[in-house]
Amino acid sequence: MELTLSVMERLTLLSQLPQSDSIDRLLIRKELVGLIEITKVEADEIGLKEENGMVQWNLEKAKEKTIVISESTKNYITSILKELSDTKKLTVQSVDLYTKIVK
């Protein structure tokens, strides 16, 4: 599956990924992080910075990134987002991501 994500969607997804899980799911997580993380070069290019607990970047310089994910990765992301929705912990920042991947 081809997926195009904004910087906001990538940061949101990274923040939603669990830190502990089964080994199979952690291996999927590791691969996914490698695809969506913001590299140092990219952070410098878009002026990404954190101040007072808020992350900011230059929206004009930020580019969407297209990645290719496997069905198992899609299922992994879907399960995380559905669980957040089912437990009423899905945030406003996650709505676009949810609609892109789950619906």
PDB file of N, CA and C in Angstrom:
ATOM      1  N   MET A   1       0.845  -1.178   0.000  1.00  0.00           N
ATOM      2  CA  MET A   1       0.000   0.000   0.000  1.00  0.00           C
ATOM      3  C   MET A   1       0.888   1.237   0.000  1.00  0.00           C
ATOM      4  N   GLU A   2       0.565   2.165  -0.879  1.00  0.00           N
ATOM      5  CA  GLU A   2       1.285   3.435  -0.913  1.00  0.00           C
ATOM      6  C   GLU A   2       0.541   4.427  -0.021  1.00  0.00           C
ATOM      7  N   LEU A   3       1.301   5.155   0.795  1.00  0.00           N
ATOM      8  CA  LEU A   3       0.711   6.059   1.766  1.00  0.00           C
ATOM      9  C   LEU A   3       1.493   7.372   1.760  1.00  0.00           C
ATOM     10  N   THR A   4       0.791   8.486   1.586  1.00  0.00           N
ATOM     11  CA  THR A   4       1.425   9.796   1.606  1.00  0.00           C
ATOM     12  C   THR A   4       1.049  10.494   2.899  1.00  0.00           C
ATOM     13  N   LEU A   5       2.082  10.884   3.650  1.00  0.00           N
ATOM     14  CA  LEU A   5       1.877  11.472   4.973  1.00  0.00           C
ATOM     15  C   LEU A   5       2.529  12.841   5.085  1.00  0.00           C
ATOM     16  N   SER A   6       1.843  13.743   5.750  1.00  0.00           N
ATOM     17  CA  SER A   6       2.407  15.057   6.055  1.00  0.00           C
ATOM     18  C   SER A   6       3.354  14.927   7.250  1.00  0.00           C
ATOM     19  N   VAL A   7       4.100  15.969   7.515  1.00  0.00           N
ATOM     20  CA  VAL A   7       4.981  15.976   8.689  1.00  0.00           C
ATOM     21  C   VAL A   7       4.144  15.779   9.948  1.00  0.00           C
ATOM     22  N   MET A   8       3.009  16.469  10.038  1.00  0.00           N
ATOM     23  CA  MET A   8       2.134  16.334  11.205  1.00  0.00           C
ATOM     24  C   MET A   8       1.653  14.897  11.379  1.00  0.00           C
ATOM     25  N   GLU A   9       1.257  14.264  10.284  1.00  0.00           N
ATOM     26  CA  GLU A   9       0.781  12.883  10.358  1.00  0.00           C
ATOM     27  C   GLU A   9       1.900  11.938  10.771  1.00  0.00           C
ATOM     28  N   ARG A  10       3.093  12.165  10.276  1.00  0.00           N
ATOM     29  CA  ARG A  10       4.231  11.322  10.657  1.00  0.00           C
ATOM     30  C   ARG A  10       4.554  11.470  12.134  1.00  0.00           C
ATOM     31  N   LEU A  11       4.588  12.712  12.612  1.00  0.00           N
ATOM     32  CA  LEU A  11       4.869  12.944  14.032  1.00  0.00           C
ATOM     33  C   LEU A  11       3.767  12.367  14.913  1.00  0.00           C
ATOM     34  N   THR A  12       2.533  12.522  14.472  1.00  0.00           N
ATOM     35  CA  THR A  12       1.396  11.978  15.227  1.00  0.00           C
ATOM     36  C   THR A  12       1.485  10.459  15.300  1.00  0.00           C
ATOM     37  N   LEU A  13       1.736   9.828  14.166  1.00  0.00           N
ATOM     38  CA  LEU A  13       1.834   8.374  14.145  1.00  0.00           C
ATOM     39  C   LEU A  13       2.982   7.892  15.025  1.00  0.00           C
ATOM     40  N   LEU A  14       4.121   8.553  14.941  1.00  0.00           N
ATOM     41  CA  LEU A  14       5.255   8.173  15.790  1.00  0.00           C
ATOM     42  C   LEU A  14       4.884   8.243  17.266  1.00  0.00           C
ATOM     43  N   SER A  15       4.112   9.247  17.639  1.00  0.00           N
ATOM     44  CA  SER A  15       3.747   9.411  19.051  1.00  0.00           C
ATOM     45  C   SER A  15       2.722   8.377  19.508  1.00  0.00           C
ATOM     46  N   GLN A  16       2.021   7.745  18.573  1.00  0.00           N
ATOM     47  CA  GLN A  16       0.990   6.762  18.916  1.00  0.00           C
ATOM     48  C   GLN A  16       1.536   5.337  19.023  1.00  0.00           C
ATOM     49  N   LEU A  17       2.726   5.110  18.532  1.00  0.00           N
ATOM     50  CA  LEU A  17       3.272   3.750  18.522  1.00  0.00           C
ATOM     51  C   LEU A  17       3.667   3.310  19.932  1.00  0.00           C
ATOM     52  N   PRO A  18       3.244   2.109  20.327  1.00  0.00           N
ATOM     53  CA  PRO A  18       3.571   1.629  21.675  1.00  0.00           C
ATOM     54  C   PRO A  18       5.061   1.341  21.833  1.00  0.00           C
ATOM     55  N   GLN A  19       5.548   1.519  23.039  1.00  0.00           N
ATOM     56  CA  GLN A  19       6.953   1.257  23.346  1.00  0.00           C
ATOM     57  C   GLN A  19       7.203  -0.207  23.699  1.00  0.00           C
ATOM     58  N   SER A  20       6.152  -0.909  24.074  1.00  0.00           N
ATOM     59  CA  SER A  20       6.294  -2.334  24.393  1.00  0.00           C
ATOM     60  C   SER A  20       5.156  -3.099  23.727  1.00  0.00           C
ATOM     61  N   ASP A  21       5.482  -4.305  23.265  1.00  0.00           N
ATOM     62  CA  ASP A  21       4.509  -5.114  22.537  1.00  0.00           C
ATOM     63  C   ASP A  21       5.141  -6.481  22.306  1.00  0.00           C
ATOM     64  N   SER A  22       4.491  -7.313  21.511  1.00  0.00           N
ATOM     65  CA  SER A  22       5.071  -8.599  21.148  1.00  0.00           C
ATOM     66  C   SER A  22       6.253  -8.357  20.205  1.00  0.00           C
ATOM     67  N   ILE A  23       7.134  -9.331  20.100  1.00  0.00           N
ATOM     68  CA  ILE A  23       8.307  -9.178  19.244  1.00  0.00           C
ATOM     69  C   ILE A  23       7.898  -8.962  17.783  1.00  0.00           C
ATOM     70  N   ASP A  24       6.874  -9.672  17.329  1.00  0.00           N
ATOM     71  CA  ASP A  24       6.429  -9.513  15.941  1.00  0.00           C
ATOM     72  C   ASP A  24       5.975  -8.078  15.669  1.00  0.00           C
ATOM     73  N   ARG A  25       5.195  -7.542  16.597  1.00  0.00           N
ATOM     74  CA  ARG A  25       4.699  -6.177  16.422  1.00  0.00           C
ATOM     75  C   ARG A  25       5.823  -5.151  16.599  1.00  0.00           C
ATOM     76  N   LEU A  26       6.784  -5.429  17.464  1.00  0.00           N
ATOM     77  CA  LEU A  26       7.912  -4.505  17.636  1.00  0.00           C
ATOM     78  C   LEU A  26       8.792  -4.472  16.390  1.00  0.00           C
ATOM     79  N   LEU A  27       8.909  -5.587  15.701  1.00  0.00           N
ATOM     80  CA  LEU A  27       9.680  -5.609  14.450  1.00  0.00           C
ATOM     81  C   LEU A  27       8.977  -4.796  13.370  1.00  0.00           C
ATOM     82  N   ILE A  28       7.647  -4.887  13.316  1.00  0.00           N
ATOM     83  CA  ILE A  28       6.884  -4.061  12.376  1.00  0.00           C
ATOM     84  C   ILE A  28       7.059  -2.599  12.752  1.00  0.00           C
ATOM     85  N   ARG A  29       6.988  -2.304  14.046  1.00  0.00           N
ATOM     86  CA  ARG A  29       7.153  -0.930  14.538  1.00  0.00           C
ATOM     87  C   ARG A  29       8.501  -0.368  14.108  1.00  0.00           C
ATOM     88  N   LYS A  30       9.541  -1.168  14.290  1.00  0.00           N
ATOM     89  CA  LYS A  30      10.897  -0.726  13.946  1.00  0.00           C
ATOM     90  C   LYS A  30      11.001  -0.368  12.464  1.00  0.00           C
ATOM     91  N   GLU A  31      10.435  -1.201  11.611  1.00  0.00           N
ATOM     92  CA  GLU A  31      10.448  -0.939  10.171  1.00  0.00           C
ATOM     93  C   GLU A  31       9.661   0.331   9.844  1.00  0.00           C
ATOM     94  N   LEU A  32       8.507   0.486  10.488  1.00  0.00           N
ATOM     95  CA  LEU A  32       7.668   1.655  10.254  1.00  0.00           C
ATOM     96  C   LEU A  32       8.370   2.934  10.688  1.00  0.00           C
ATOM     97  N   VAL A  33       8.996   2.914  11.847  1.00  0.00           N
ATOM     98  CA  VAL A  33       9.715   4.096  12.329  1.00  0.00           C
ATOM     99  C   VAL A  33      10.793   4.497  11.326  1.00  0.00           C
ATOM    100  N   GLY A  34      11.494   3.516  10.775  1.00  0.00           N
ATOM    101  CA  GLY A  34      12.509   3.805   9.770  1.00  0.00           C
ATOM    102  C   GLY A  34      11.942   4.496   8.533  1.00  0.00           C
ATOM    103  N   LEU A  35      10.692   4.212   8.218  1.00  0.00           N
ATOM    104  CA  LEU A  35      10.051   4.816   7.046  1.00  0.00           C
ATOM    105  C   LEU A  35       9.525   6.226   7.302  1.00  0.00           C
ATOM    106  N   ILE A  36       9.084   6.494   8.537  1.00  0.00           N
ATOM    107  CA  ILE A  36       8.383   7.762   8.792  1.00  0.00           C
ATOM    108  C   ILE A  36       9.127   8.748   9.679  1.00  0.00           C
ATOM    109  N   GLU A  37      10.224   8.320  10.287  1.00  0.00           N
ATOM    110  CA  GLU A  37      10.907   9.242  11.187  1.00  0.00           C
ATOM    111  C   GLU A  37      11.415  10.475  10.435  1.00  0.00           C
ATOM    112  N   ILE A  38      11.563  11.561  11.168  1.00  0.00           N
ATOM    113  CA  ILE A  38      12.100  12.801  10.615  1.00  0.00           C
ATOM    114  C   ILE A  38      13.612  12.759  10.818  1.00  0.00           C
ATOM    115  N   THR A  39      14.358  12.718   9.733  1.00  0.00           N
ATOM    116  CA  THR A  39      15.813  12.655   9.843  1.00  0.00           C
ATOM    117  C   THR A  39      16.372  14.014  10.275  1.00  0.00           C
ATOM    118  N   LYS A  40      17.595  14.038  10.709  1.00  0.00           N
ATOM    119  CA  LYS A  40      18.262  15.274  11.107  1.00  0.00           C
ATOM    120  C   LYS A  40      18.312  16.246   9.919  1.00  0.00           C
ATOM    121  N   VAL A  41      18.632  15.722   8.750  1.00  0.00           N
ATOM    122  CA  VAL A  41      18.698  16.556   7.543  1.00  0.00           C
ATOM    123  C   VAL A  41      17.334  17.170   7.254  1.00  0.00           C
ATOM    124  N   GLU A  42      16.286  16.350   7.301  1.00  0.00           N
ATOM    125  CA  GLU A  42      14.941  16.853   7.040  1.00  0.00           C
ATOM    126  C   GLU A  42      14.524  17.874   8.101  1.00  0.00           C
ATOM    127  N   ALA A  43      14.831  17.586   9.362  1.00  0.00           N
ATOM    128  CA  ALA A  43      14.492  18.511  10.447  1.00  0.00           C
ATOM    129  C   ALA A  43      15.150  19.867  10.222  1.00  0.00           C
ATOM    130  N   ASP A  44      16.406  19.853   9.799  1.00  0.00           N
ATOM    131  CA  ASP A  44      17.111  21.112   9.515  1.00  0.00           C
ATOM    132  C   ASP A  44      16.478  21.839   8.330  1.00  0.00           C
ATOM    133  N   GLU A  45      16.112  21.083   7.299  1.00  0.00           N
ATOM    134  CA  GLU A  45      15.517  21.683   6.092  1.00  0.00           C
ATOM    135  C   GLU A  45      14.192  22.383   6.383  1.00  0.00           C
ATOM    136  N   ILE A  46      13.397  21.804   7.273  1.00  0.00           N
ATOM    137  CA  ILE A  46      12.071  22.378   7.551  1.00  0.00           C
ATOM    138  C   ILE A  46      12.050  23.226   8.822  1.00  0.00           C
ATOM    139  N   GLY A  47      13.204  23.358   9.468  1.00  0.00           N
ATOM    140  CA  GLY A  47      13.274  24.179  10.672  1.00  0.00           C
ATOM    141  C   GLY A  47      12.530  23.577  11.852  1.00  0.00           C
ATOM    142  N   LEU A  48      12.530  22.254  11.942  1.00  0.00           N
ATOM    143  CA  LEU A  48      11.841  21.572  13.032  1.00  0.00           C
ATOM    144  C   LEU A  48      12.528  21.872  14.358  1.00  0.00           C
ATOM    145  N   LYS A  49      11.737  22.312  15.323  1.00  0.00           N
ATOM    146  CA  LYS A  49      12.293  22.596  16.649  1.00  0.00           C
ATOM    147  C   LYS A  49      11.214  22.397  17.701  1.00  0.00           C
ATOM    148  N   GLU A  50      11.672  22.149  18.905  1.00  0.00           N
ATOM    149  CA  GLU A  50      10.758  21.995  20.032  1.00  0.00           C
ATOM    150  C   GLU A  50      11.056  23.089  21.044  1.00  0.00           C
ATOM    151  N   GLU A  51      10.018  23.815  21.405  1.00  0.00           N
ATOM    152  CA  GLU A  51      10.145  24.881  22.392  1.00  0.00           C
ATOM    153  C   GLU A  51       8.962  24.818  23.338  1.00  0.00           C
ATOM    154  N   ASN A  52       9.251  24.814  24.615  1.00  0.00           N
ATOM    155  CA  ASN A  52       8.201  24.798  25.640  1.00  0.00           C
ATOM    156  C   ASN A  52       7.200  23.664  25.415  1.00  0.00           C
ATOM    157  N   GLY A  53       7.693  22.503  25.022  1.00  0.00           N
ATOM    158  CA  GLY A  53       6.838  21.341  24.828  1.00  0.00           C
ATOM    159  C   GLY A  53       6.039  21.338  23.540  1.00  0.00           C
ATOM    160  N   MET A  54       6.255  22.336  22.683  1.00  0.00           N
ATOM    161  CA  MET A  54       5.540  22.393  21.404  1.00  0.00           C
ATOM    162  C   MET A  54       6.521  22.198  20.252  1.00  0.00           C
ATOM    163  N   VAL A  55       6.120  21.389  19.285  1.00  0.00           N
ATOM    164  CA  VAL A  55       6.947  21.141  18.109  1.00  0.00           C
ATOM    165  C   VAL A  55       6.481  22.082  17.004  1.00  0.00           C
ATOM    166  N   GLN A  56       7.452  22.736  16.367  1.00  0.00           N
ATOM    167  CA  GLN A  56       7.140  23.691  15.302  1.00  0.00           C
ATOM    168  C   GLN A  56       8.048  23.430  14.112  1.00  0.00           C
ATOM    169  N   TRP A  57       7.561  23.802  12.918  1.00  0.00           N
ATOM    170  CA  TRP A  57       8.368  23.714  11.707  1.00  0.00           C
ATOM    171  C   TRP A  57       7.798  24.682  10.687  1.00  0.00           C
ATOM    172  N   ASN A  58       8.562  24.922   9.633  1.00  0.00           N
ATOM    173  CA  ASN A  58       8.142  25.816   8.562  1.00  0.00           C
ATOM    174  C   ASN A  58       7.221  25.045   7.617  1.00  0.00           C
ATOM    175  N   LEU A  59       5.936  25.385   7.632  1.00  0.00           N
ATOM    176  CA  LEU A  59       4.950  24.665   6.818  1.00  0.00           C
ATOM    177  C   LEU A  59       5.221  24.789   5.328  1.00  0.00           C
ATOM    178  N   GLU A  60       5.785  25.913   4.907  1.00  0.00           N
ATOM    179  CA  GLU A  60       6.067  26.110   3.485  1.00  0.00           C
ATOM    180  C   GLU A  60       7.182  25.210   2.985  1.00  0.00           C
ATOM    181  N   LYS A  61       8.098  24.850   3.875  1.00  0.00           N
ATOM    182  CA  LYS A  61       9.224  23.995   3.478  1.00  0.00           C
ATOM    183  C   LYS A  61       8.933  22.513   3.682  1.00  0.00           C
ATOM    184  N   ALA A  62       7.936  22.206   4.483  1.00  0.00           N
ATOM    185  CA  ALA A  62       7.607  20.806   4.780  1.00  0.00           C
ATOM    186  C   ALA A  62       6.992  20.134   3.564  1.00  0.00           C
ATOM    187  N   LYS A  63       7.450  18.944   3.273  1.00  0.00           N
ATOM    188  CA  LYS A  63       6.935  18.181   2.145  1.00  0.00           C
ATOM    189  C   LYS A  63       6.289  16.903   2.652  1.00  0.00           C
ATOM    190  N   GLU A  64       5.272  16.465   1.945  1.00  0.00           N
ATOM    191  CA  GLU A  64       4.686  15.175   2.258  1.00  0.00           C
ATOM    192  C   GLU A  64       5.664  14.090   1.832  1.00  0.00           C
ATOM    193  N   LYS A  65       5.572  12.953   2.488  1.00  0.00           N
ATOM    194  CA  LYS A  65       6.450  11.832   2.169  1.00  0.00           C
ATOM    195  C   LYS A  65       5.578  10.634   1.808  1.00  0.00           C
ATOM    196  N   THR A  66       5.890  10.015   0.683  1.00  0.00           N
ATOM    197  CA  THR A  66       5.164   8.826   0.263  1.00  0.00           C
ATOM    198  C   THR A  66       5.993   7.599   0.612  1.00  0.00           C
ATOM    199  N   ILE A  67       5.350   6.679   1.305  1.00  0.00           N
ATOM    200  CA  ILE A  67       6.013   5.434   1.699  1.00  0.00           C
ATOM    201  C   ILE A  67       5.183   4.262   1.192  1.00  0.00           C
ATOM    202  N   VAL A  68       5.806   3.125   1.119  1.00  0.00           N
ATOM    203  CA  VAL A  68       5.111   1.899   0.765  1.00  0.00           C
ATOM    204  C   VAL A  68       5.153   0.994   1.990  1.00  0.00           C
ATOM    205  N   ILE A  69       3.941   0.592   2.437  1.00  0.00           N
ATOM    206  CA  ILE A  69       3.870  -0.278   3.614  1.00  0.00           C
ATOM    207  C   ILE A  69       3.231  -1.607   3.217  1.00  0.00           C
ATOM    208  N   SER A  70       3.609  -2.633   3.942  1.00  0.00           N
ATOM    209  CA  SER A  70       3.048  -3.960   3.708  1.00  0.00           C
ATOM    210  C   SER A  70       1.660  -4.053   4.340  1.00  0.00           C
ATOM    211  N   GLU A  71       0.962  -5.107   3.998  1.00  0.00           N
ATOM    212  CA  GLU A  71      -0.365  -5.347   4.583  1.00  0.00           C
ATOM    213  C   GLU A  71      -0.256  -5.522   6.097  1.00  0.00           C
ATOM    214  N   SER A  72       0.804  -6.189   6.555  1.00  0.00           N
ATOM    215  CA  SER A  72       0.969  -6.379   8.007  1.00  0.00           C
ATOM    216  C   SER A  72       1.225  -5.048   8.712  1.00  0.00           C
ATOM    217  N   THR A  73       1.938  -4.146   8.067  1.00  0.00           N
ATOM    218  CA  THR A  73       2.170  -2.823   8.651  1.00  0.00           C
ATOM    219  C   THR A  73       0.879  -2.021   8.673  1.00  0.00           C
ATOM    220  N   LYS A  74       0.110  -2.101   7.601  1.00  0.00           N
ATOM    221  CA  LYS A  74      -1.185  -1.428   7.565  1.00  0.00           C
ATOM    222  C   LYS A  74      -2.085  -1.955   8.682  1.00  0.00           C
ATOM    223  N   ASN A  75      -2.109  -3.275   8.858  1.00  0.00           N
ATOM    224  CA  ASN A  75      -2.916  -3.883   9.917  1.00  0.00           C
ATOM    225  C   ASN A  75      -2.448  -3.453  11.298  1.00  0.00           C
ATOM    226  N   TYR A  76      -1.140  -3.323  11.462  1.00  0.00           N
ATOM    227  CA  TYR A  76      -0.559  -2.876  12.733  1.00  0.00           C
ATOM    228  C   TYR A  76      -1.018  -1.451  13.059  1.00  0.00           C
ATOM    229  N   ILE A  77      -0.887  -0.559  12.095  1.00  0.00           N
ATOM    230  CA  ILE A  77      -1.314   0.838  12.304  1.00  0.00           C
ATOM    231  C   ILE A  77      -2.819   0.894  12.557  1.00  0.00           C
ATOM    232  N   THR A  78      -3.572   0.146  11.775  1.00  0.00           N
ATOM    233  CA  THR A  78      -5.028   0.118  11.928  1.00  0.00           C
ATOM    234  C   THR A  78      -5.418  -0.330  13.329  1.00  0.00           C
ATOM    235  N   SER A  79      -4.778  -1.377  13.829  1.00  0.00           N
ATOM    236  CA  SER A  79      -5.123  -1.875  15.167  1.00  0.00           C
ATOM    237  C   SER A  79      -4.829  -0.836  16.247  1.00  0.00           C
ATOM    238  N   ILE A  80      -3.739  -0.101  16.091  1.00  0.00           N
ATOM    239  CA  ILE A  80      -3.397   0.943  17.068  1.00  0.00           C
ATOM    240  C   ILE A  80      -4.439   2.059  17.032  1.00  0.00           C
ATOM    241  N   LEU A  81      -4.767   2.527  15.831  1.00  0.00           N
ATOM    242  CA  LEU A  81      -5.719   3.625  15.701  1.00  0.00           C
ATOM    243  C   LEU A  81      -7.127   3.216  16.133  1.00  0.00           C
ATOM    244  N   LYS A  82      -7.541   1.990  15.813  1.00  0.00           N
ATOM    245  CA  LYS A  82      -8.863   1.514  16.240  1.00  0.00           C
ATOM    246  C   LYS A  82      -8.935   1.403  17.756  1.00  0.00           C
ATOM    247  N   GLU A  83      -7.859   0.909  18.357  1.00  0.00           N
ATOM    248  CA  GLU A  83      -7.843   0.797  19.824  1.00  0.00           C
ATOM    249  C   GLU A  83      -7.957   2.184  20.464  1.00  0.00           C
ATOM    250  N   LEU A  84      -7.252   3.153  19.913  1.00  0.00           N
ATOM    251  CA  LEU A  84      -7.355   4.522  20.425  1.00  0.00           C
ATOM    252  C   LEU A  84      -8.774   5.051  20.271  1.00  0.00           C
ATOM    253  N   SER A  85      -9.399   4.767  19.148  1.00  0.00           N
ATOM    254  CA  SER A  85     -10.771   5.209  18.925  1.00  0.00           C
ATOM    255  C   SER A  85     -11.735   4.510  19.878  1.00  0.00           C
ATOM    256  N   ASP A  86     -11.583   3.189  20.005  1.00  0.00           N
ATOM    257  CA  ASP A  86     -12.480   2.410  20.863  1.00  0.00           C
ATOM    258  C   ASP A  86     -12.400   2.832  22.326  1.00  0.00           C
ATOM    259  N   THR A  87     -11.219   3.272  22.750  1.00  0.00           N
ATOM    260  CA  THR A  87     -11.039   3.699  24.146  1.00  0.00           C
ATOM    261  C   THR A  87     -11.180   5.210  24.305  1.00  0.00           C
ATOM    262  N   LYS A  88     -11.646   5.850  23.229  1.00  0.00           N
ATOM    263  CA  LYS A  88     -11.876   7.306  23.216  1.00  0.00           C
ATOM    264  C   LYS A  88     -10.598   8.106  23.531  1.00  0.00           C
ATOM    265  N   LYS A  89      -9.463   7.600  23.011  1.00  0.00           N
ATOM    266  CA  LYS A  89      -8.184   8.281  23.192  1.00  0.00           C
ATOM    267  C   LYS A  89      -7.616   8.791  21.869  1.00  0.00           C
ATOM    268  N   LEU A  90      -8.394   8.668  20.817  1.00  0.00           N
ATOM    269  CA  LEU A  90      -7.970   9.186  19.519  1.00  0.00           C
ATOM    270  C   LEU A  90      -8.027  10.707  19.585  1.00  0.00           C
ATOM    271  N   THR A  91      -6.970  11.367  19.163  1.00  0.00           N
ATOM    272  CA  THR A  91      -6.910  12.824  19.257  1.00  0.00           C
ATOM    273  C   THR A  91      -7.324  13.473  17.944  1.00  0.00           C
ATOM    274  N   VAL A  92      -7.594  14.745  18.017  1.00  0.00           N
ATOM    275  CA  VAL A  92      -7.955  15.518  16.829  1.00  0.00           C
ATOM    276  C   VAL A  92      -6.837  15.419  15.785  1.00  0.00           C
ATOM    277  N   GLN A  93      -5.594  15.416  16.236  1.00  0.00           N
ATOM    278  CA  GLN A  93      -4.459  15.327  15.317  1.00  0.00           C
ATOM    279  C   GLN A  93      -4.421  14.001  14.565  1.00  0.00           C
ATOM    280  N   SER A  94      -5.096  12.982  15.085  1.00  0.00           N
ATOM    281  CA  SER A  94      -5.073  11.647  14.477  1.00  0.00           C
ATOM    282  C   SER A  94      -6.208  11.397  13.502  1.00  0.00           C
ATOM    283  N   VAL A  95      -7.178  12.302  13.396  1.00  0.00           N
ATOM    284  CA  VAL A  95      -8.361  12.067  12.574  1.00  0.00           C
ATOM    285  C   VAL A  95      -8.000  11.860  11.106  1.00  0.00           C
ATOM    286  N   ASP A  96      -7.174  12.731  10.532  1.00  0.00           N
ATOM    287  CA  ASP A  96      -6.794  12.579   9.124  1.00  0.00           C
ATOM    288  C   ASP A  96      -6.048  11.268   8.894  1.00  0.00           C
ATOM    289  N   LEU A  97      -5.174  10.932   9.816  1.00  0.00           N
ATOM    290  CA  LEU A  97      -4.424   9.687   9.736  1.00  0.00           C
ATOM    291  C   LEU A  97      -5.375   8.492   9.786  1.00  0.00           C
ATOM    292  N   TYR A  98      -6.326   8.544  10.686  1.00  0.00           N
ATOM    293  CA  TYR A  98      -7.327   7.475  10.823  1.00  0.00           C
ATOM    294  C   TYR A  98      -8.107   7.301   9.526  1.00  0.00           C
ATOM    295  N   THR A  99      -8.566   8.393   8.960  1.00  0.00           N
ATOM    296  CA  THR A  99      -9.363   8.288   7.737  1.00  0.00           C
ATOM    297  C   THR A  99      -8.538   7.812   6.549  1.00  0.00           C
ATOM    298  N   LYS A 100      -7.257   8.142   6.511  1.00  0.00           N
ATOM    299  CA  LYS A 100      -6.384   7.682   5.424  1.00  0.00           C
ATOM    300  C   LYS A 100      -6.134   6.186   5.495  1.00  0.00           C
ATOM    301  N   ILE A 101      -5.969   5.662   6.698  1.00  0.00           N
ATOM    302  CA  ILE A 101      -5.509   4.287   6.843  1.00  0.00           C
ATOM    303  C   ILE A 101      -6.640   3.320   7.175  1.00  0.00           C
ATOM    304  N   VAL A 102      -7.501   3.702   8.084  1.00  0.00           N
ATOM    305  CA  VAL A 102      -8.531   2.786   8.562  1.00  0.00           C
ATOM    306  C   VAL A 102      -9.755   2.789   7.669  1.00  0.00           C
ATOM    307  N   LYS A 103     -10.191   3.950   7.237  1.00  0.00           N
ATOM    308  CA  LYS A 103     -11.427   4.030   6.444  1.00  0.00           C
ATOM    309  C   LYS A 103     -11.135   4.093   4.970  1.00  0.00           C
TER     310      LYS A 103
END
